[in-house]
């Protein structure tokens, strides 16, 4: 969705969305957005599940101001930037990820055995 002031609205499903809801279509999203905008819930648990089921990202598609984009996820509310905004900036080619960050393996397990103690800093060896 696109607003008049140059912002694009993106709806990003959260990790809890797949556990709660099976089908993700336009009719379902319109119902969720309607409930969210009109505060039309009958139960607190339903409200919590619907609020945490997807994040609304208002993305500024400008080369200088994309860092001022907003997202409704908890990380963005606390730090004013989140992985969703950075991901959209990479998608629209407004920023690039360095190769050093791409080469780091994700999700490696720790090695077996006892963790080595840190060496004393001020002793000359």
Protein backbone atom coordinates (compact mmCIF):
# COMPACT_ATOMS: atom_id res chain seq x y z
CA UNK A 1 0.00 0.00 0.00
CA UNK A 2 1.25 3.49 -0.75
CA UNK A 3 0.42 6.67 1.16
CA UNK A 4 0.25 10.20 -0.25
CA UNK A 5 3.34 11.39 1.60
CA UNK A 6 5.82 8.98 -0.05
CA UNK A 7 5.54 6.23 2.56
CA UNK A 8 4.87 2.63 1.66
CA UNK A 9 2.99 0.43 4.11
CA UNK A 10 4.33 -3.11 4.36
CA UNK A 11 2.71 -5.86 6.41
CA UNK A 12 5.23 -8.39 7.67
CA UNK A 13 4.07 -11.56 9.39
CA UNK A 14 5.71 -12.37 12.71
CA UNK A 15 7.01 -15.75 13.83
CA UNK A 16 3.89 -16.33 15.95
CA UNK A 17 1.62 -15.76 12.94
CA UNK A 18 2.19 -19.20 11.43
CA UNK A 19 1.41 -20.88 14.76
CA UNK A 20 -1.90 -19.03 15.15
CA UNK A 21 -3.26 -18.62 11.61
CA UNK A 22 -2.98 -20.94 8.62
CA UNK A 23 -4.21 -18.85 5.70
CA UNK A 24 -2.74 -15.50 4.76
CA UNK A 25 -4.83 -13.72 2.11
CA UNK A 26 -6.11 -10.21 1.38
CA UNK A 27 -9.53 -10.78 2.94
CA UNK A 28 -7.97 -12.04 6.16
CA UNK A 29 -5.52 -9.11 6.32
CA UNK A 30 -8.31 -6.58 5.73
CA UNK A 31 -10.20 -8.09 8.67
CA UNK A 32 -7.11 -7.89 10.90
CA UNK A 33 -6.42 -4.29 9.87
CA UNK A 34 -10.05 -3.33 10.43
CA UNK A 35 -10.00 -4.84 13.93
CA UNK A 36 -6.71 -3.15 14.72
CA UNK A 37 -7.85 0.29 13.56
CA UNK A 38 -11.32 0.16 15.13
CA UNK A 39 -10.35 -1.64 18.33
CA UNK A 40 -13.06 -4.19 17.70
CA UNK A 41 -12.04 -7.14 19.93
CA UNK A 42 -14.18 -9.18 22.26
CA UNK A 43 -11.38 -10.91 24.19
CA UNK A 44 -7.96 -9.87 25.46
CA UNK A 45 -6.28 -13.06 24.18
CA UNK A 46 -7.68 -12.51 20.68
CA UNK A 47 -6.43 -8.92 20.74
CA UNK A 48 -2.96 -10.03 21.86
CA UNK A 49 -2.74 -12.69 19.13
CA UNK A 50 -3.89 -10.27 16.43
CA UNK A 51 -1.60 -7.44 17.58
CA UNK A 52 1.45 -9.72 17.60
CA UNK A 53 0.58 -11.61 14.41
CA UNK A 54 2.08 -9.08 11.99
CA UNK A 55 4.09 -5.86 11.99
CA UNK A 56 3.12 -2.70 10.12
CA UNK A 57 6.16 -1.10 8.50
CA UNK A 58 5.83 2.44 7.13
CA UNK A 59 8.84 2.70 4.84
CA UNK A 60 10.15 5.99 3.45
CA UNK A 61 11.41 5.16 -0.03
CA UNK A 62 13.99 7.95 -0.17
CA UNK A 63 17.75 7.51 -0.28
CA UNK A 64 18.51 9.78 2.70
CA UNK A 65 15.46 9.36 4.94
CA UNK A 66 14.88 5.59 4.98
CA UNK A 67 16.31 5.41 8.51
CA UNK A 68 13.32 7.46 9.72
CA UNK A 69 10.93 4.67 8.71
CA UNK A 70 8.80 3.13 11.44
CA UNK A 71 7.73 -0.38 12.33
CA UNK A 72 5.35 -1.67 14.99
CA UNK A 73 7.67 -4.45 16.20
CA UNK A 74 9.04 -4.21 19.78
CA UNK A 75 12.66 -3.79 18.60
CA UNK A 76 11.79 -0.75 16.50
CA UNK A 77 9.69 0.77 19.26
CA UNK A 78 12.70 0.54 21.58
CA UNK A 79 15.67 1.27 19.28
CA UNK A 80 13.93 3.16 16.40
CA UNK A 81 15.45 0.72 13.86
CA UNK A 82 14.83 -2.97 13.25
CA UNK A 83 15.66 -5.84 10.91
CA UNK A 84 12.44 -5.24 8.97
CA UNK A 85 13.43 -1.68 8.03
CA UNK A 86 16.98 -2.73 7.13
CA UNK A 87 15.62 -5.61 5.05
CA UNK A 88 13.31 -3.29 3.13
CA UNK A 89 16.19 -0.84 2.55
CA UNK A 90 18.29 -3.66 1.10
CA UNK A 91 15.34 -4.78 -1.03
CA UNK A 92 14.93 -1.27 -2.49
CA UNK A 93 18.74 -0.95 -2.89
CA UNK A 94 19.03 2.02 -0.53
CA UNK A 95 21.80 0.37 1.49
CA UNK A 96 24.07 -2.62 1.05
CA UNK A 97 25.23 -5.33 3.42
CA UNK A 98 29.03 -5.76 3.60
CA UNK A 99 30.50 -9.07 2.44
CA UNK A 100 32.07 -9.66 5.87
CA UNK A 101 28.60 -9.80 7.40
CA UNK A 102 27.33 -12.15 4.69
CA UNK A 103 30.22 -14.60 5.21
CA UNK A 104 29.53 -15.16 8.92
CA UNK A 105 27.91 -18.58 9.40
CA UNK A 106 24.61 -18.40 11.26
CA UNK A 107 23.50 -20.79 13.97
CA UNK A 108 26.79 -22.56 14.70
CA UNK A 109 26.85 -24.70 17.82
CA UNK A 110 29.51 -24.23 20.46
CA UNK A 111 32.41 -26.66 20.58
CA UNK A 112 32.38 -29.49 23.08
CA UNK A 113 34.31 -29.23 26.30
CA UNK A 114 34.96 -26.70 29.00
CA UNK A 115 35.01 -23.01 28.09
CA UNK A 116 38.57 -21.62 28.23
CA UNK A 117 39.21 -19.06 30.94
CA UNK A 118 40.19 -15.55 29.92
CA UNK A 119 43.90 -14.76 30.30
CA UNK A 120 44.93 -12.10 32.77
CA UNK A 121 45.23 -8.79 30.96
CA UNK A 122 48.01 -6.97 32.82
CA UNK A 123 50.53 -9.81 33.17
CA UNK A 124 53.29 -9.79 30.54
CA UNK A 125 53.83 -13.29 29.19
